[in-house]
Amino acid sequence: MKLPNDRCDSEQRSQYQEIPEVVRSDGMNILGLVMFSVSLGIVIARIGDEGAPLKAFFKSLEAVSMRLISLVIWFSPVGITFLIAAQIVGMKDPGKELQRLMGYMVCVLAGLSIHGLIVLPTLMIILARRNPVKYVYGMAQALLTALATSSSSATLPLSIKCVEENNGVDPRVARFVLPLGATINMDGTALYEAVAAIYISQCVGQDLSIGNIILVSLTATLASIGAAGIPQAGIVTMIMVLIAIGLPSNLFILIFPVDFFLDRIRTTVNVYGDSIGAAVVGKMCERYLPRDTVEATESGYRMLTQTASPDPSKRHNHYENHQL
């Protein structure tokens, strides 16, 4: 007696058992390295004087590394020209590849636009209770400088000036939040790196699982925290993201032709995000920082305090200079 087809299929399927396959990829554990580095930095900061020698060592190492990276970036156009030429020669259909590259650029610009024109202004309205249009107008000089220099660090003095003078944020908040944000708040860079990693994986025919996409998001976020505020520093952290998902590090060359333009846009978003953060923190700390006790100066800020005295007529004011 012959069994029906559906019954035969069910009996055949019952004979097999799905066994999950563990896939390992060669390369460095970038996410683990970043998490260890962040944890080590927190511990060094908390132990105080005992960690001072190690802190000084890492500061010196950072200065040397940044100098070395600057030299590499300075001489990189020659090598990158040959890398791009090799990729063009190996293309079967350059027109199609150019079309895909334009699609990638539009995708990054769309993501940055949504973040800069919708998400950040919404946070400004909800948390800071301020008009985002007027706030952007007050930040115009700093945003244009970020667009021209593609450097958060170079824009920092103008950012502080615009936030304090044009938008009225407390100097104590602005001069704490903005330098911190210029170092760790790279929201535009994190968005760009996540999109770039997915685009590169599609170019080489590697499908990313849900786990890999989550890994890309985490690695891009953590790597952007350590990105320097210099032009095209995102390329360095982009290599870390590629290694984390098992892709060759030299594939960053696929996005390099348009990175010069995208770098300026994401830097502008980074600076804008820092200024929004300063406004939000200023609003939250408003009750704890009375405005009549501080006066901004060129070298820092000057805090006005009152000296207690039994006789009110003998009370006088004195100034304390605080450098930031």
Protein backbone atom coordinates (compact mmCIF):
# COMPACT_ATOMS: atom_id res chain seq x y z
CA MET A 1 0.00 0.00 0.00
CA LYS A 2 1.41 3.34 -1.04
CA LEU A 3 1.23 6.18 1.44
CA PRO A 4 -0.06 9.59 0.38
CA ASN A 5 2.60 12.13 -0.49
CA ASP A 6 1.97 14.35 2.54
CA ARG A 7 2.21 11.35 4.89
CA CYS A 8 5.44 10.18 3.26
CA ASP A 9 6.94 13.65 3.62
CA SER A 10 5.99 13.82 7.30
CA GLU A 11 7.54 10.42 8.00
CA GLN A 12 10.73 11.38 6.16
CA ARG A 13 11.00 14.67 8.07
CA SER A 14 10.60 12.82 11.37
CA GLN A 15 13.74 10.82 10.62
CA TYR A 16 15.92 13.96 10.58
CA GLN A 17 16.85 16.22 13.43
CA GLU A 18 18.02 19.78 12.97
CA ILE A 19 21.37 20.35 14.65
CA PRO A 20 22.50 23.98 15.01
CA GLU A 21 25.89 24.65 13.53
CA VAL A 22 28.38 26.80 15.40
CA VAL A 23 30.16 29.09 12.98
CA ARG A 24 33.42 30.72 13.94
CA SER A 25 35.15 33.52 12.09
CA ASP A 26 38.79 34.40 12.11
CA GLY A 27 39.86 37.78 13.39
CA MET A 28 40.07 39.89 16.50
CA ASN A 29 37.26 40.08 19.05
CA ILE A 30 36.73 43.80 18.58
CA LEU A 31 33.58 44.07 20.69
CA GLY A 32 35.26 42.32 23.62
CA LEU A 33 38.32 44.53 23.25
CA VAL A 34 36.24 47.71 23.29
CA MET A 35 34.24 46.58 26.33
CA PHE A 36 37.44 45.68 28.18
CA SER A 37 38.97 49.06 27.32
CA VAL A 38 35.91 50.94 28.58
CA SER A 39 35.86 48.92 31.81
CA LEU A 40 39.58 49.46 32.32
CA GLY A 41 39.19 53.21 31.84
CA ILE A 42 36.37 53.38 34.39
CA VAL A 43 38.40 51.46 36.98
CA ILE A 44 41.51 53.61 36.41
CA ALA A 45 39.43 56.75 36.93
CA ARG A 46 37.86 55.43 40.12
CA ILE A 47 41.01 54.32 41.95
CA GLY A 48 42.48 57.82 41.84
CA ASP A 49 46.18 58.30 42.53
CA GLU A 50 46.97 54.60 42.35
CA GLY A 51 45.97 54.54 38.70
CA ALA A 52 47.73 57.82 37.81
CA PRO A 53 50.85 56.17 36.27
CA LEU A 54 48.74 53.90 34.08
CA LYS A 55 46.54 56.85 33.12
CA ALA A 56 49.59 58.89 32.12
CA PHE A 57 50.90 55.96 30.08
CA PHE A 58 47.66 55.63 28.11
CA LYS A 59 47.52 59.38 27.53
CA SER A 60 51.02 59.30 26.08
CA LEU A 61 50.12 56.25 24.00
CA GLU A 62 47.04 58.06 22.70
CA ALA A 63 49.08 61.12 21.71
CA VAL A 64 51.62 58.98 19.86
CA SER A 65 48.90 56.91 18.17
CA MET A 66 46.98 59.97 17.01
CA ARG A 67 50.15 61.50 15.63
CA LEU A 68 50.90 58.29 13.77
CA ILE A 69 47.35 58.09 12.40
CA SER A 70 47.59 61.71 11.24
CA LEU A 71 50.77 60.91 9.33
CA VAL A 72 49.16 57.85 7.76
CA ILE A 73 46.10 59.88 6.72
CA TRP A 74 48.38 62.57 5.29
CA PHE A 75 50.18 60.10 3.01
CA SER A 76 47.19 57.82 2.40
CA PRO A 77 45.94 59.36 -0.90
CA VAL A 78 48.76 57.69 -2.84
CA GLY A 79 48.02 54.21 -1.54
CA ILE A 80 44.26 54.67 -1.67
CA THR A 81 44.48 55.72 -5.33
CA PHE A 82 45.98 52.34 -6.20
CA LEU A 83 43.46 50.49 -4.00
CA ILE A 84 40.57 52.20 -5.77
CA ALA A 85 42.17 51.51 -9.16
CA ALA A 86 42.46 47.82 -8.28
CA GLN A 87 38.78 47.69 -7.31
CA ILE A 88 37.73 49.44 -10.54
CA VAL A 89 39.77 47.05 -12.69
CA GLY A 90 38.18 44.07 -10.94
CA MET A 91 34.61 45.32 -11.48
CA LYS A 92 32.56 43.45 -14.06
CA ASP A 93 30.02 46.27 -14.41
CA PRO A 94 31.39 49.64 -13.16
CA GLY A 95 28.12 51.40 -13.97
CA LYS A 96 26.14 49.07 -11.74
CA GLU A 97 28.67 49.40 -8.92
CA LEU A 98 28.49 53.19 -9.18
CA GLN A 99 24.71 53.01 -8.99
CA ARG A 100 24.93 50.88 -5.84
CA LEU A 101 27.40 53.35 -4.33
CA MET A 102 25.01 56.23 -5.00
CA GLY A 103 22.24 54.21 -3.36
CA TYR A 104 24.44 53.72 -0.29
CA MET A 105 25.15 57.45 -0.12
CA VAL A 106 21.45 58.29 -0.37
CA CYS A 107 20.71 55.77 2.41
CA VAL A 108 23.29 57.34 4.74
CA LEU A 109 22.04 60.86 3.98
CA ALA A 110 18.45 59.75 4.62
CA GLY A 111 19.41 58.25 7.98
CA LEU A 112 21.35 61.35 9.03
CA SER A 113 18.48 63.58 7.88
CA ILE A 114 15.92 61.63 9.92
CA HIS A 115 18.18 61.77 12.97
CA GLY A 116 19.08 65.45 12.57
CA LEU A 117 15.74 66.84 11.39
CA ILE A 118 13.27 64.67 13.32
CA VAL A 119 14.83 62.80 16.26
CA LEU A 120 17.07 65.53 17.70
CA PRO A 121 14.50 68.37 17.35
CA THR A 122 11.89 66.14 18.99
CA LEU A 123 14.23 65.57 21.94
CA MET A 124 14.81 69.33 22.10
CA ILE A 125 11.07 70.05 22.26
CA ILE A 126 10.23 67.31 24.78
CA LEU A 127 13.22 67.51 27.13
CA ALA A 128 14.51 71.08 26.81
CA ARG A 129 11.20 72.85 26.02
CA ARG A 130 12.83 75.03 23.39
CA ASN A 131 12.21 75.96 19.77
CA PRO A 132 14.61 73.82 17.67
CA VAL A 133 14.45 76.21 14.69
CA LYS A 134 15.69 79.17 16.73
CA TYR A 135 18.28 76.94 18.39
CA VAL A 136 19.66 75.79 15.02
CA TYR A 137 19.79 79.41 13.86
CA GLY A 138 21.90 80.23 16.90
CA MET A 139 24.20 77.30 16.10
CA ALA A 140 24.58 78.24 12.40
CA GLN A 141 28.19 79.41 12.66
CA ALA A 142 29.34 76.25 14.45
CA LEU A 143 27.42 73.95 12.11
CA LEU A 144 28.88 75.62 9.01
CA THR A 145 32.36 75.32 10.52
CA ALA A 146 31.79 71.61 11.17
CA LEU A 147 30.63 71.20 7.57
CA ALA A 148 33.75 72.94 6.28
CA THR A 149 36.35 71.33 8.54
CA SER A 150 34.73 67.90 9.18
CA SER A 151 36.29 68.04 12.66
CA SER A 152 34.38 68.14 15.93
CA SER A 153 37.50 69.18 17.84
CA ALA A 154 38.22 72.13 15.54
CA THR A 155 34.60 73.27 15.88
CA LEU A 156 34.50 72.99 19.68
CA PRO A 157 35.41 76.63 20.54
CA LEU A 158 32.73 77.94 18.19
CA SER A 159 30.23 75.41 19.51
CA ILE A 160 30.77 76.65 23.06
CA LYS A 161 30.44 80.27 21.93
CA CYS A 162 27.21 79.65 20.01
CA VAL A 163 25.62 77.59 22.77
CA GLU A 164 26.46 80.14 25.46
CA GLU A 165 26.01 83.48 23.69
CA ASN A 166 23.38 82.75 21.05
CA ASN A 167 21.29 80.11 22.83
CA GLY A 168 21.76 81.11 26.45
CA VAL A 169 22.91 77.79 27.90
CA ASP A 170 24.64 78.05 31.28
CA PRO A 171 28.44 78.27 30.75
CA ARG A 172 29.08 75.61 33.39
CA VAL A 173 26.89 73.18 31.49
CA ALA A 174 28.14 74.11 28.03
CA ARG A 175 31.83 73.87 28.95
CA PHE A 176 31.33 70.46 30.51
CA VAL A 177 28.90 68.82 28.09
CA LEU A 178 30.34 70.02 24.77
CA PRO A 179 33.97 68.86 25.25
CA LEU A 180 32.65 65.55 26.56
CA GLY A 181 30.25 65.24 23.65
CA ALA A 182 32.95 66.06 21.10
CA THR A 183 34.80 62.99 22.37
CA ILE A 184 32.13 60.36 22.98
CA ASN A 185 28.88 61.56 21.38
CA MET A 186 29.41 60.55 17.75
CA ASP A 187 25.82 59.69 16.86
CA GLY A 188 26.24 60.56 13.18
CA THR A 189 29.39 58.45 12.96
CA ALA A 190 27.71 55.46 14.61
CA LEU A 191 24.80 55.62 12.16
CA TYR A 192 27.15 55.88 9.18
CA GLU A 193 29.29 52.94 10.29
CA ALA A 194 26.29 50.65 10.77
CA VAL A 195 24.92 51.43 7.30
CA ALA A 196 28.38 51.15 5.72
CA ALA A 197 29.03 47.72 7.25
CA ILE A 198 25.71 46.37 5.95
CA TYR A 199 26.38 47.84 2.49
CA ILE A 200 29.88 46.35 2.28
CA SER A 201 28.61 42.92 3.34
CA GLN A 202 26.01 43.07 0.58
CA CYS A 203 28.65 44.07 -1.97
CA VAL A 204 30.71 40.95 -1.25
CA GLY A 205 27.65 38.69 -1.12
CA GLN A 206 27.68 37.98 2.62
CA ASP A 207 24.26 37.91 4.23
CA LEU A 208 24.13 39.23 7.77
CA SER A 209 21.97 37.44 10.30
CA ILE A 210 19.95 39.25 12.95
CA GLY A 211 22.75 38.52 15.43
CA ASN A 212 25.34 40.03 13.09
CA ILE A 213 23.22 43.15 12.58
CA ILE A 214 22.93 43.58 16.35
CA LEU A 215 26.69 43.04 16.62
CA VAL A 216 27.25 45.71 13.95
CA SER A 217 25.07 48.16 15.87
CA LEU A 218 26.83 47.54 19.18
CA THR A 219 30.32 47.65 17.69
CA ALA A 220 29.56 50.80 15.68
CA THR A 221 28.19 52.53 18.78
CA LEU A 222 31.13 51.58 20.99
CA ALA A 223 33.71 52.25 18.27
CA SER A 224 32.28 55.71 17.61
CA ILE A 225 32.84 56.58 21.28
CA GLY A 226 36.57 56.16 20.74
CA ALA A 227 36.65 57.95 17.39
CA ALA A 228 38.87 61.02 17.31
CA GLY A 229 37.40 64.38 16.36
CA ILE A 230 39.57 64.69 13.25
CA PRO A 231 38.64 64.45 9.56
CA GLN A 232 37.87 60.92 8.32
CA ALA A 233 38.59 59.31 11.68
CA GLY A 234 35.49 57.20 11.10
CA ILE A 235 37.43 55.15 8.55
CA VAL A 236 39.69 53.86 11.34
CA THR A 237 36.75 52.74 13.48
CA MET A 238 35.01 51.41 10.34
CA ILE A 239 37.82 48.87 10.02
CA MET A 240 37.06 47.69 13.56
CA VAL A 241 33.41 47.13 12.65
CA LEU A 242 34.37 45.14 9.54
CA ILE A 243 36.70 42.90 11.53
CA ALA A 244 33.98 42.32 14.14
CA ILE A 245 31.66 40.73 11.54
CA GLY A 246 34.42 38.74 9.85
CA LEU A 247 34.98 40.90 6.74
CA PRO A 248 38.42 41.83 5.37
CA SER A 249 39.54 45.21 6.64
CA ASN A 250 40.60 46.43 3.18
CA LEU A 251 36.97 46.45 1.99
CA PHE A 252 36.55 49.94 3.43
CA ILE A 253 37.86 51.11 0.06
CA LEU A 254 34.40 50.37 -1.39
CA ILE A 255 32.95 53.41 0.40
CA PHE A 256 36.01 55.64 0.40
CA PRO A 257 35.18 57.57 -2.82
CA VAL A 258 32.13 59.18 -1.17
CA ASP A 259 33.46 59.32 2.39
CA PHE A 260 34.94 62.80 1.85
CA PHE A 261 31.42 64.20 1.45
CA LEU A 262 29.65 62.01 4.01
CA ASP A 263 32.30 62.79 6.63
CA ARG A 264 31.27 66.45 6.59
CA ILE A 265 27.59 65.68 6.94
CA ARG A 266 28.02 63.26 9.84
CA THR A 267 30.38 65.70 11.62
CA THR A 268 27.70 68.38 11.36
CA VAL A 269 25.18 65.97 12.89
CA ASN A 270 27.67 65.13 15.66
CA VAL A 271 28.13 68.81 16.57
CA TYR A 272 24.39 69.43 16.42
CA GLY A 273 23.76 66.46 18.70
CA ASP A 274 26.31 67.77 21.21
CA SER A 275 24.58 71.15 21.29
CA ILE A 276 21.19 69.51 21.82
CA GLY A 277 22.67 67.54 24.71
CA ALA A 278 23.96 70.75 26.28
CA ALA A 279 20.49 72.32 26.06
CA VAL A 280 18.83 69.26 27.60
CA VAL A 281 21.33 69.05 30.47
CA GLY A 282 21.03 72.80 31.02
CA LYS A 283 17.25 72.50 31.33
CA MET A 284 17.49 69.58 33.76
CA CYS A 285 20.08 71.36 35.92
CA GLU A 286 18.37 74.76 35.79
CA ARG A 287 17.05 74.59 39.34
CA TYR A 288 20.49 73.65 40.74
CA LEU A 289 22.47 76.29 38.83
CA PRO A 290 21.09 79.78 39.53
CA ARG A 291 22.03 82.08 36.66
CA ASP A 292 22.96 85.09 38.83
CA THR A 293 25.97 83.29 40.33
CA VAL A 294 28.06 82.82 37.19
CA GLU A 295 29.64 85.02 34.57
CA ALA A 296 31.41 83.70 31.47
CA THR A 297 34.94 84.85 30.68
CA GLU A 298 37.37 84.14 27.85
CA SER A 299 39.46 81.70 29.89
CA GLY A 300 36.69 79.91 31.72
CA TYR A 301 33.91 81.25 33.92
CA ARG A 302 33.79 83.43 36.99
CA MET A 303 31.51 82.39 39.81
CA LEU A 304 30.09 85.04 42.10
CA THR A 305 29.59 83.95 45.71
CA GLN A 306 28.58 85.80 48.83
CA THR A 307 30.58 85.79 52.04
CA ALA A 308 28.38 85.31 55.10
CA SER A 309 28.51 88.07 57.70
CA PRO A 310 26.37 88.86 60.75
CA ASP A 311 25.94 92.41 59.49
CA PRO A 312 24.14 92.45 56.11
CA SER A 313 25.69 95.82 55.26
CA LYS A 314 29.17 94.28 55.51
CA ARG A 315 28.47 91.39 53.22
CA HIS A 316 30.55 91.59 50.11
CA ASN A 317 31.05 89.65 46.94
CA HIS A 318 34.23 88.02 45.82
CA TYR A 319 35.14 86.16 42.68
CA GLU A 320 36.56 82.74 42.14
CA ASN A 321 38.09 81.85 38.80
CA HIS A 322 37.45 78.37 37.48
CA GLN A 323 39.28 77.11 34.46
CA LEU A 324 37.80 74.44 32.22
